[in-house]
């Protein structure tokens, strides 16, 4: 069996190795959920259930691993892991519950989330939760880090701004679904400049996390997040343009205002 430090290194290396294939596959094949839902992907789950299950390792595995690290009682480690847990507490419990309460029952029934996609996301979140939790609780040299509080404050500002954008955007999209009548062009805020401010907000969050942790684990998570979300945002923009034609604002970018 591998020692824990070797296991950490191999999983970290794997995170960087799967990033290029993720970019390539996402450019040619868009995961079939949400507005890209299509048949032929086997068994499905109700979207709220899928989100809850596939995001859950980031909560239960982090809480299982964290107490066993040498930093587990260090206040810096507890403060550092808190934004990660708060994000996934929202994504695992609050977001699925709001999705269930606000989305029309017909949409939940007809837009099943492919179980195979949820299983792959569950696997990724399990590996990533291990990396982030073990880095903070065991491998980070927190006490001798003279820049810890500077990076923590700056990273928290970026992370908090990204979280606000992400949650606001999700709330607006849920409101459109709640109103019924199928998909519509989102309006207001960052939606006037980009198609996917929810993705942009999440990238900002993990940029802040990478700054806070100042680690290969945090950087790897940010890079992988971009590898998946940027091509999906590109696919979303194409979908909007094909569906709404001339009604869609042609100057609206995919995910980065004024750029892409």
Protein backbone atom coordinates (compact mmCIF):
# COMPACT_ATOMS: atom_id res chain seq x y z
CA UNK A 1 0.00 0.00 0.00
CA UNK A 2 1.06 3.60 -0.59
CA UNK A 3 1.97 5.81 2.32
CA UNK A 4 -0.34 8.79 2.71
CA UNK A 5 2.20 11.26 1.32
CA UNK A 6 2.73 9.10 -1.77
CA UNK A 7 -1.02 8.71 -2.22
CA UNK A 8 -1.39 12.48 -1.99
CA UNK A 9 1.32 13.02 -4.61
CA UNK A 10 -0.20 10.48 -7.02
CA UNK A 11 -3.69 11.91 -6.72
CA UNK A 12 -2.35 15.44 -7.17
CA UNK A 13 -0.45 14.35 -10.28
CA UNK A 14 -3.60 12.64 -11.56
CA UNK A 15 -5.53 15.89 -11.20
CA UNK A 16 -3.14 17.66 -13.56
CA UNK A 17 -2.97 14.69 -15.95
CA UNK A 18 -6.75 14.49 -16.44
CA UNK A 19 -7.01 18.21 -17.18
CA UNK A 20 -5.95 18.13 -20.89
CA UNK A 21 -8.31 15.22 -21.74
CA UNK A 22 -11.09 17.06 -19.94
CA UNK A 23 -10.51 20.15 -22.08
CA UNK A 24 -10.47 18.14 -25.32
CA UNK A 25 -13.52 16.05 -24.47
CA UNK A 26 -15.49 19.09 -23.28
CA UNK A 27 -14.81 20.91 -26.55
CA UNK A 28 -16.46 18.12 -28.56
CA UNK A 29 -18.93 16.57 -26.10
CA UNK A 30 -21.09 18.60 -23.70
CA UNK A 31 -22.25 16.78 -20.58
CA UNK A 32 -25.98 16.03 -21.11
CA UNK A 33 -27.66 17.84 -18.22
CA UNK A 34 -29.48 21.14 -17.85
CA UNK A 35 -30.13 22.86 -21.17
CA UNK A 36 -27.96 20.21 -22.88
CA UNK A 37 -30.13 17.33 -21.64
CA UNK A 38 -30.58 14.58 -24.20
CA UNK A 39 -31.62 10.95 -24.21
CA UNK A 40 -29.34 7.96 -24.65
CA UNK A 41 -27.23 8.25 -21.49
CA UNK A 42 -28.89 5.50 -19.47
CA UNK A 43 -30.54 5.79 -16.08
CA UNK A 44 -31.22 9.26 -14.71
CA UNK A 45 -31.72 10.86 -11.32
CA UNK A 46 -33.84 13.87 -10.37
CA UNK A 47 -31.45 16.85 -10.63
CA UNK A 48 -31.74 17.84 -6.92
CA UNK A 49 -30.87 14.29 -5.87
CA UNK A 50 -27.98 14.09 -8.33
CA UNK A 51 -26.48 17.38 -7.12
CA UNK A 52 -26.77 16.35 -3.48
CA UNK A 53 -25.18 12.93 -3.99
CA UNK A 54 -22.35 13.88 -6.33
CA UNK A 55 -21.23 16.91 -4.31
CA UNK A 56 -21.54 15.20 -0.92
CA UNK A 57 -17.95 13.77 -0.64
CA UNK A 58 -16.65 17.30 -0.26
CA UNK A 59 -18.53 17.48 3.04
CA UNK A 60 -18.41 14.04 4.62
CA UNK A 61 -14.92 13.07 3.44
CA UNK A 62 -13.44 16.44 4.43
CA UNK A 63 -14.98 16.13 7.89
CA UNK A 64 -13.70 12.55 8.21
CA UNK A 65 -10.14 13.36 7.15
CA UNK A 66 -9.57 16.75 8.69
CA UNK A 67 -9.40 15.69 12.38
CA UNK A 68 -6.54 13.24 11.60
CA UNK A 69 -4.08 15.84 10.30
CA UNK A 70 -1.32 17.43 12.32
CA UNK A 71 -2.87 20.86 11.69
CA UNK A 72 -6.36 19.80 12.74
CA UNK A 73 -6.34 21.92 15.92
CA UNK A 74 -4.48 24.82 14.39
CA UNK A 75 -6.81 27.85 14.18
CA UNK A 76 -5.24 28.78 10.84
CA UNK A 77 -6.20 25.41 9.36
CA UNK A 78 -9.75 25.66 10.67
CA UNK A 79 -10.13 29.16 9.24
CA UNK A 80 -8.60 28.07 5.93
CA UNK A 81 -10.85 25.04 5.38
CA UNK A 82 -14.03 27.00 6.24
CA UNK A 83 -14.62 28.65 2.81
CA UNK A 84 -14.23 25.26 1.09
CA UNK A 85 -16.80 23.70 3.42
CA UNK A 86 -19.19 26.63 3.14
CA UNK A 87 -19.17 26.46 -0.66
CA UNK A 88 -19.95 22.77 -0.66
CA UNK A 89 -22.48 23.00 2.13
CA UNK A 90 -24.37 25.30 -0.20
CA UNK A 91 -23.79 23.11 -3.25
CA UNK A 92 -24.63 19.83 -1.49
CA UNK A 93 -27.65 20.85 0.58
CA UNK A 94 -28.93 24.37 -0.02
CA UNK A 95 -28.71 24.51 -3.83
CA UNK A 96 -30.46 21.13 -4.41
CA UNK A 97 -33.18 22.05 -1.91
CA UNK A 98 -33.79 25.38 -3.60
CA UNK A 99 -33.78 23.65 -6.98
CA UNK A 100 -36.40 21.20 -5.74
CA UNK A 101 -38.61 23.88 -4.21
CA UNK A 102 -38.41 26.40 -7.04
CA UNK A 103 -38.20 24.38 -10.28
CA UNK A 104 -41.52 23.30 -11.81
CA UNK A 105 -42.27 19.64 -11.04
CA UNK A 106 -42.61 18.90 -14.77
CA UNK A 107 -39.09 20.17 -15.44
CA UNK A 108 -37.59 18.08 -12.62
CA UNK A 109 -39.38 15.02 -14.00
CA UNK A 110 -38.42 15.59 -17.65
CA UNK A 111 -34.82 16.79 -17.25
CA UNK A 112 -33.26 13.82 -15.49
CA UNK A 113 -29.57 14.01 -14.62
CA UNK A 114 -27.65 11.04 -16.13
CA UNK A 115 -26.50 8.74 -13.33
CA UNK A 116 -23.21 8.05 -15.12
CA UNK A 117 -22.37 11.77 -15.18
CA UNK A 118 -23.26 12.05 -11.49
CA UNK A 119 -21.04 9.04 -10.74
CA UNK A 120 -18.07 10.61 -12.53
CA UNK A 121 -18.60 13.87 -10.64
CA UNK A 122 -18.84 11.89 -7.38
CA UNK A 123 -15.47 10.27 -8.17
CA UNK A 124 -13.82 13.59 -8.93
CA UNK A 125 -15.21 15.23 -5.81
CA UNK A 126 -13.97 12.32 -3.69
CA UNK A 127 -10.41 12.71 -4.98
CA UNK A 128 -10.50 16.49 -4.78
CA UNK A 129 -11.91 16.49 -1.23
CA UNK A 130 -9.05 14.23 -0.20
CA UNK A 131 -6.48 16.57 -1.78
CA UNK A 132 -7.83 19.79 -0.31
CA UNK A 133 -8.57 18.37 3.15
CA UNK A 134 -5.22 16.62 3.50
CA UNK A 135 -3.28 19.62 2.25
CA UNK A 136 -4.85 21.95 4.80
CA UNK A 137 -4.95 19.51 7.72
CA UNK A 138 -1.62 17.70 7.21
CA UNK A 139 0.82 19.01 4.62
CA UNK A 140 0.52 22.81 4.75
CA UNK A 141 3.23 24.48 6.84
CA UNK A 142 0.91 27.06 8.33
CA UNK A 143 2.78 28.29 11.38
CA UNK A 144 5.92 29.38 9.52
CA UNK A 145 3.98 31.04 6.68
CA UNK A 146 4.62 34.74 7.17
CA UNK A 147 2.25 35.65 4.33
CA UNK A 148 -0.67 33.52 5.56
CA UNK A 149 -2.95 36.32 6.73
CA UNK A 150 -2.24 38.54 3.72
CA UNK A 151 -3.15 35.73 1.33
CA UNK A 152 -6.09 34.70 3.49
CA UNK A 153 -7.61 38.18 3.43
CA UNK A 154 -6.99 38.71 -0.31
CA UNK A 155 -8.20 35.21 -1.18
CA UNK A 156 -11.31 35.61 0.96
CA UNK A 157 -12.23 38.81 -0.87
CA UNK A 158 -11.89 37.07 -4.26
CA UNK A 159 -13.66 33.94 -3.01
CA UNK A 160 -16.49 35.93 -1.41
CA UNK A 161 -17.00 38.02 -4.55
CA UNK A 162 -17.13 34.88 -6.67
CA UNK A 163 -19.59 33.22 -4.29
CA UNK A 164 -21.88 36.26 -4.42
CA UNK A 165 -21.85 36.24 -8.24
CA UNK A 166 -22.40 32.48 -8.35
CA UNK A 167 -25.34 32.47 -5.95
CA UNK A 168 -26.96 35.57 -7.47
CA UNK A 169 -26.73 34.07 -10.97
CA UNK A 170 -28.14 30.72 -9.86
CA UNK A 171 -30.99 32.53 -8.13
CA UNK A 172 -31.85 34.47 -11.30
CA UNK A 173 -31.79 31.30 -13.42
CA UNK A 174 -33.99 29.51 -10.90
CA UNK A 175 -36.42 32.40 -11.06
CA UNK A 176 -36.71 32.01 -14.83
CA UNK A 177 -37.39 28.29 -14.43
CA UNK A 178 -39.92 28.96 -11.68
CA UNK A 179 -41.80 31.31 -13.99
CA UNK A 180 -42.25 28.46 -16.48
CA UNK A 181 -42.57 28.71 -20.24
CA UNK A 182 -39.23 27.06 -21.04
CA UNK A 183 -35.78 28.63 -21.33
CA UNK A 184 -35.47 32.37 -21.79
CA UNK A 185 -32.56 34.78 -22.23
CA UNK A 186 -31.34 35.86 -18.77
CA UNK A 187 -31.16 39.61 -18.26
CA UNK A 188 -29.51 41.91 -15.75
CA UNK A 189 -26.20 42.15 -13.92
CA UNK A 190 -23.32 40.20 -15.42
CA UNK A 191 -25.75 38.43 -17.73
CA UNK A 192 -25.59 41.56 -19.88
CA UNK A 193 -21.91 40.80 -20.59
CA UNK A 194 -21.54 37.02 -20.33
CA UNK A 195 -23.77 33.97 -20.72
CA UNK A 196 -22.51 32.16 -17.63
CA UNK A 197 -21.80 34.45 -14.68
CA UNK A 198 -22.50 31.47 -12.41
CA UNK A 199 -19.46 29.72 -13.92
CA UNK A 200 -17.43 32.93 -13.81
CA UNK A 201 -18.27 33.26 -10.11
CA UNK A 202 -17.18 29.71 -9.40
CA UNK A 203 -13.85 30.28 -11.16
CA UNK A 204 -13.37 33.38 -9.01
CA UNK A 205 -14.10 31.31 -5.91
CA UNK A 206 -11.43 28.74 -6.67
CA UNK A 207 -9.00 31.48 -7.71
CA UNK A 208 -9.43 32.84 -4.21
CA UNK A 209 -8.99 29.34 -2.78
CA UNK A 210 -5.77 28.80 -4.73
CA UNK A 211 -4.49 32.09 -3.32
CA UNK A 212 -5.53 31.21 0.22
CA UNK A 213 -3.94 27.74 0.17
CA UNK A 214 -0.95 28.77 -1.99
CA UNK A 215 -0.58 25.12 -2.97
CA UNK A 216 -0.38 22.81 -5.96
CA UNK A 217 -3.60 21.22 -4.71
CA UNK A 218 -5.44 24.54 -4.81
CA UNK A 219 -3.94 25.46 -8.19
CA UNK A 220 -4.81 22.05 -9.63
CA UNK A 221 -8.41 22.44 -8.55
CA UNK A 222 -8.61 25.89 -10.15
CA UNK A 223 -7.07 24.69 -13.41
CA UNK A 224 -9.40 21.70 -13.60
CA UNK A 225 -12.41 23.91 -12.85
CA UNK A 226 -11.48 26.14 -15.79
CA UNK A 227 -10.87 23.09 -18.00
CA UNK A 228 -14.46 21.99 -17.46
CA UNK A 229 -16.41 25.23 -17.10
CA UNK A 230 -14.87 27.31 -19.90
CA UNK A 231 -15.76 24.83 -22.69
CA UNK A 232 -19.22 24.34 -21.15
CA UNK A 233 -19.77 28.10 -21.11
CA UNK A 234 -18.76 28.15 -24.78
CA UNK A 235 -21.33 25.43 -25.49
CA UNK A 236 -23.98 27.38 -23.56
CA UNK A 237 -23.37 30.48 -25.65
CA UNK A 238 -23.69 28.45 -28.84
CA UNK A 239 -26.93 26.93 -27.52
CA UNK A 240 -28.40 30.36 -26.76
CA UNK A 241 -27.44 31.67 -30.19
CA UNK A 242 -29.00 28.69 -31.98
CA UNK A 243 -32.18 28.78 -29.92
CA UNK A 244 -32.86 32.52 -29.87
CA UNK A 245 -31.16 33.63 -33.08
CA UNK A 246 -31.22 37.40 -33.63
CA UNK A 247 -32.90 37.96 -30.25
CA UNK A 248 -29.72 36.90 -28.47
CA UNK A 249 -27.25 39.76 -27.82
CA UNK A 250 -24.35 38.94 -30.12
CA UNK A 251 -21.88 40.94 -28.02
CA UNK A 252 -22.52 38.79 -24.95
CA UNK A 253 -19.43 36.65 -24.33
CA UNK A 254 -19.38 33.14 -22.90
CA UNK A 255 -17.67 33.50 -19.53
CA UNK A 256 -15.13 36.37 -19.42
CA UNK A 257 -16.55 39.89 -19.91
CA UNK A 258 -15.40 41.58 -23.14
CA UNK A 259 -12.95 38.76 -23.88
CA UNK A 260 -14.34 35.21 -24.29
